[in-house]
Amino acid sequence: MLKSSNKLSVASAMRQKMTRTNAAIEAAKSKHGDKASLSAAWCAFAARCEGREDDYRFWLNVFKGLAGRQDNREVPVTSQTNADGKL
């Protein structure tokens, strides 16, 4: 069971993550206008192809926010890689 201080740390980390994602959503809208979701999708695609799973999940969540997805669950990590660590 999590201690009270650990619960606060987790909640704080979640708020920081949402703030960072929301800031990226606003920046993408500002810079790319109606193509913002396409830009975020390409960033997610590039990160995934390069094996940068944390960046992939971040950009996928930005894309989901831009695309108006109501499903805000964390994107799961898959471990399907080949011998050199790439998908």
Protein backbone atom coordinates (compact mmCIF):
# COMPACT_ATOMS: atom_id res chain seq x y z
CA MET A 1 0.00 0.00 0.00
CA LEU A 2 1.27 3.47 -0.82
CA LYS A 3 2.07 5.82 2.00
CA SER A 4 0.36 9.21 2.01
CA SER A 5 3.56 10.97 0.89
CA ASN A 6 3.95 8.50 -1.99
CA LYS A 7 0.35 9.15 -3.07
CA LEU A 8 1.11 12.87 -3.16
CA SER A 9 4.26 12.23 -5.19
CA VAL A 10 2.34 10.15 -7.71
CA ALA A 11 -0.41 12.77 -7.94
CA SER A 12 2.16 15.52 -8.39
CA ALA A 13 3.92 13.58 -11.13
CA MET A 14 0.61 13.00 -12.91
CA ARG A 15 -0.22 16.73 -12.76
CA GLN A 16 3.21 17.61 -14.15
CA LYS A 17 2.78 15.09 -16.95
CA MET A 18 -0.64 16.50 -17.88
CA THR A 19 0.72 20.06 -17.75
CA ARG A 20 3.56 19.11 -20.10
CA THR A 21 1.18 17.33 -22.48
CA ASN A 22 -1.29 20.23 -22.45
CA ALA A 23 1.54 22.70 -23.13
CA ALA A 24 2.66 20.59 -26.11
CA ILE A 25 -0.92 20.48 -27.41
CA GLU A 26 -1.21 24.27 -27.25
CA ALA A 27 2.21 24.76 -28.85
CA ALA A 28 1.34 22.39 -31.70
CA LYS A 29 -1.96 24.21 -32.30
CA SER A 30 -0.18 27.54 -32.32
CA LYS A 31 2.59 26.46 -34.67
CA HIS A 32 0.78 24.02 -36.99
CA GLY A 33 -2.87 25.14 -36.84
CA ASP A 34 -5.23 22.59 -38.34
CA LYS A 35 -2.28 20.28 -39.11
CA ALA A 36 -1.27 20.01 -35.43
CA SER A 37 -2.53 16.44 -35.01
CA LEU A 38 -0.65 15.36 -38.13
CA SER A 39 2.53 16.90 -36.74
CA ALA A 40 2.11 15.10 -33.41
CA ALA A 41 1.41 11.83 -35.21
CA TRP A 42 4.64 12.15 -37.19
CA CYS A 43 6.58 12.88 -33.99
CA ALA A 44 5.08 9.76 -32.40
CA PHE A 45 5.85 7.69 -35.50
CA ALA A 46 9.47 8.89 -35.62
CA ALA A 47 9.99 8.23 -31.91
CA ARG A 48 8.53 4.73 -32.23
CA CYS A 49 10.71 3.90 -35.24
CA GLU A 50 13.79 5.08 -33.35
CA GLY A 51 12.92 2.99 -30.29
CA ARG A 52 12.28 6.00 -28.03
CA GLU A 53 9.29 4.54 -26.16
CA ASP A 54 8.88 7.39 -23.63
CA ASP A 55 8.85 9.96 -26.42
CA TYR A 56 6.48 7.77 -28.43
CA ARG A 57 3.98 7.60 -25.55
CA PHE A 58 4.29 11.36 -24.96
CA TRP A 59 3.64 12.28 -28.60
CA LEU A 60 0.85 9.72 -28.93
CA ASN A 61 -0.88 11.29 -25.94
CA VAL A 62 -0.40 14.74 -27.51
CA PHE A 63 -1.94 13.38 -30.73
CA LYS A 64 -4.85 11.91 -28.79
CA GLY A 65 -5.42 15.29 -27.12
CA LEU A 66 -5.35 17.09 -30.47
CA ALA A 67 -7.60 14.55 -32.12
CA GLY A 68 -10.17 14.98 -29.36
CA ARG A 69 -9.96 11.44 -28.06
CA GLN A 70 -11.83 10.99 -24.82
CA ASP A 71 -9.73 7.94 -24.03
CA ASN A 72 -6.92 9.39 -21.90
CA ARG A 73 -5.53 6.09 -20.67
CA GLU A 74 -1.77 5.69 -20.71
CA VAL A 75 -0.46 4.16 -23.92
CA PRO A 76 0.89 0.68 -23.16
CA VAL A 77 4.46 -0.23 -23.97
CA THR A 78 4.92 -3.18 -26.29
CA SER A 79 8.07 -5.21 -26.20
CA GLN A 80 7.99 -6.50 -29.77
CA THR A 81 11.46 -5.69 -30.99
CA ASN A 82 13.93 -7.41 -33.24
CA ALA A 83 17.53 -8.33 -32.42
CA ASP A 84 18.85 -4.75 -32.68
CA GLY A 85 16.14 -3.38 -30.39
CA LYS A 86 14.03 -1.84 -33.15
CA LEU A 87 10.42 -2.66 -33.86
